Amino acid sequence: MFYTTLVRNPWDRVVSYYHWLRAQGFEHPAVGLAKLLDFNGFMRDRTTVGAFRDWPYGHIWRMRKVWSDS
């Protein structure tokens, strides 16, 4: 089987994620953090750093392989 993937610029993805979070109205720790901090503070916060470390950009593709092998 052959897959083709387009990968979004990681920096653009993070900036977009931050602005999207600020526009949301539901309760979630990331939403609250984005509304509380400026972009620099958001990116340096230990919660954000941990989230990006634990769920790197390619993680979903590795999980997809696990799901397809089941």
Protein backbone atom coordinates (compact mmCIF):
# COMPACT_ATOMS: atom_id res chain seq x y z
CA MET A 1 0.00 0.00 0.00
CA PHE A 2 1.28 3.49 -0.86
CA TYR A 3 0.61 6.66 1.18
CA THR A 4 1.25 10.28 0.30
CA THR A 5 1.30 12.91 3.03
CA LEU A 6 1.62 16.67 3.02
CA VAL A 7 3.13 18.06 6.20
CA ARG A 8 2.24 21.52 7.37
CA ASN A 9 5.04 23.83 8.45
CA PRO A 10 5.44 23.02 12.18
CA TRP A 11 5.88 26.68 13.19
CA ASP A 12 2.76 27.72 11.29
CA ARG A 13 0.89 24.86 12.93
CA VAL A 14 1.82 26.02 16.44
CA VAL A 15 0.94 29.67 15.76
CA SER A 16 -2.40 28.60 14.27
CA TYR A 17 -3.09 26.30 17.25
CA TYR A 18 -2.43 29.15 19.70
CA HIS A 19 -4.80 31.55 17.92
CA TRP A 20 -7.44 28.83 17.53
CA LEU A 21 -7.27 28.09 21.26
CA ARG A 22 -7.73 31.79 22.12
CA ALA A 23 -10.94 31.87 20.05
CA GLN A 24 -12.54 28.85 21.78
CA GLY A 25 -15.25 29.03 24.42
CA PHE A 26 -15.07 25.55 25.95
CA GLU A 27 -13.19 24.67 29.11
CA HIS A 28 -9.84 22.96 28.54
CA PRO A 29 -6.46 23.59 30.16
CA ALA A 30 -4.85 24.57 26.84
CA VAL A 31 -7.65 27.06 26.07
CA GLY A 32 -7.28 28.70 29.47
CA LEU A 33 -3.50 28.86 29.10
CA ALA A 34 -3.66 30.44 25.64
CA LYS A 35 -6.12 33.05 26.89
CA LEU A 36 -3.99 33.81 29.95
CA LEU A 37 -0.55 34.06 28.32
CA ASP A 38 0.95 35.80 25.32
CA PHE A 39 2.38 33.54 22.60
CA ASN A 40 5.90 33.55 24.04
CA GLY A 41 4.63 32.60 27.49
CA PHE A 42 2.35 29.94 26.04
CA MET A 43 5.24 28.31 24.16
CA ARG A 44 7.52 28.38 27.23
CA ASP A 45 4.93 27.05 29.66
CA ARG A 46 5.80 23.59 30.99
CA THR A 47 2.33 22.29 30.09
CA THR A 48 2.69 23.29 26.45
CA VAL A 49 6.28 22.02 26.24
CA GLY A 50 5.18 18.69 27.73
CA ALA A 51 2.22 18.37 25.36
CA PHE A 52 4.38 18.90 22.29
CA ARG A 53 7.02 16.54 23.66
CA ASP A 54 4.46 13.80 24.41
CA TRP A 55 2.55 14.23 21.13
CA PRO A 56 5.12 15.16 18.46
CA TYR A 57 3.99 15.98 14.95
CA GLY A 58 4.48 12.47 13.53
CA HIS A 59 2.91 10.65 16.49
CA ILE A 60 -0.50 10.24 14.83
CA TRP A 61 1.12 8.35 11.93
CA ARG A 62 2.80 5.90 14.30
CA MET A 63 -0.53 5.40 16.09
CA ARG A 64 -2.29 4.88 12.74
CA LYS A 65 0.13 2.03 11.99
CA VAL A 66 -0.64 0.43 15.38
CA TRP A 67 -4.38 0.74 14.71
CA SER A 68 -4.09 -0.72 11.20
CA ASP A 69 -2.03 -3.68 12.46
CA SER A 70 -4.76 -4.67 14.96
